[in-house]
Amino acid sequence: MAPTHPLALLLLVMPAASVLQFRAIAPLAIAALVAVVVMGWRVARPGGPVLWAALALAGWGALSATWAVDPKRALTESLLLGAFFALGAAAASVISRAEASARHTLLRWLAFGLAGGVLLAALDHATGNAVRAAVRGLREHDITLSFGLKPAITVFAVLLPIAIAAPMAGWMRAVLALASVAVALWLPAETAKIAIIVGVAAYGIAWVLPRATRVVLAAGLALAILAMPALLGAALTSGATAGFLPFSAAHRVVIWDFAMARIGERPLLGWGFESSRAIPGGKANATPATLDRLGVTDPGQRARFALPNAESLPLHPHNAPLQLRLEMGIVGSVLAALLVALLALRAGTPSSIGALAAAAVVGSLSYGLWQGWWIALLLVLIAATRALPAEGREDIA
């Protein structure tokens, strides 16, 4: 059995698993990556500037435990993150040294798995989430199930650019791409919809202008990490109003406003790795004065902001650049900007460029940056890019 098989099997089942229960991604990914490294230990040689940049970021997170508001969490989670980075890099090095036939099989299994996941998601949505209700043993519809497909569409968005590089007939790849995009646009997952479109667009542009796309993506991602807090701060103080936005978007603006205020208190070092959930005042609701300043004047909206679930900072800021600056300060932002720039510059194929662009959209607008399933998905994504054709393979781990 080739050492690529555990990752290939994971990619075959992960899209469907993300539909049924996205929290299964982290344990499945860890098991698969460990199996890859164990089976290919003779050729597992992790290294390179991207890994060192990633370990530097995790190391800064560990150091932040000395001033973090939650020192134990900062230390344990940052050390775990560093271990994840090392594991992902080791698995990626094994995949890159595998036989071409084994790498081709991995890409085909990814394509088949994505097709199955897309069909399952469409079936679940068309039946009023009956599939996932059955898996959970629910006899009556739970309205929260309708939101549970968001992580699945995220998985589809970041994997699609890699899957359409599988050695299959062109019409099969075209059908896979069209079906994936169509289902993503049909389902309730706004950020993932943007991500899948951006990923496909970046893939297409990179076919025409590969070097320019890499450079622009590297500069854009690094600049976004470094400049986003300043840009958001300027927008929030210039009279920008959240009153015309739906509640979810208006709440996002309130969260960002709170995060910006806390960033101003500790700009250089931040509040400590994974400290967003413990920031003082984060569990309180926005004050009437804050809502007035942000232009939230509608009585119905203000009533919703008084509910217990409308916290000023629930778990994380829903914005990767803001979370980096809030938790790890300017130093952490610089290290993260270096990491993403290196990833983009070393993305050697349109597929890897598209996947990175899609992941950047999701990270910037949606989940907590350090969520286990999200980090696991990114590491699997990086390892999968090492199965791409040798002449365009990334050197990213």
Foldseek 3Di string as FASTA:
>chain_A
DALCVLLLVCLLAQLQCLLQPLVVLQVSLVVSLVSSCVRQVVQQDFDDDLLVLQLVLLVLQLVLLVQAPNNVCSNVLSVVSNVLSSSLRRSLRSLLPTDLVSLLSSLQSNLNSLVVSLVNLVVCVVVLNPVNCVVVVHPDHDPCSLVSCQSSLLLSQLSLLSNLLRPDDNVSNVVSLVSSLVSSVVGPHVLSNVLNVQLVVLLVVCVVVVQVSLQCQLVVLLCCLQCVLVVLVCCLQVQAAPQVPPLVVSLLNLLSVVLSVLCVVPAAFANHPQCLQPPPQQQDFDDPVSNVSRHNDDPVSVVVSRDRVSGSGHSHSQAQSSRQRRHGHNVSSNSVSVSLSLQSNQQQHSSSSSSSSSLNSNNGGGDDPSDSSSSSSVSSSLSSQSSRDPVRGGPND
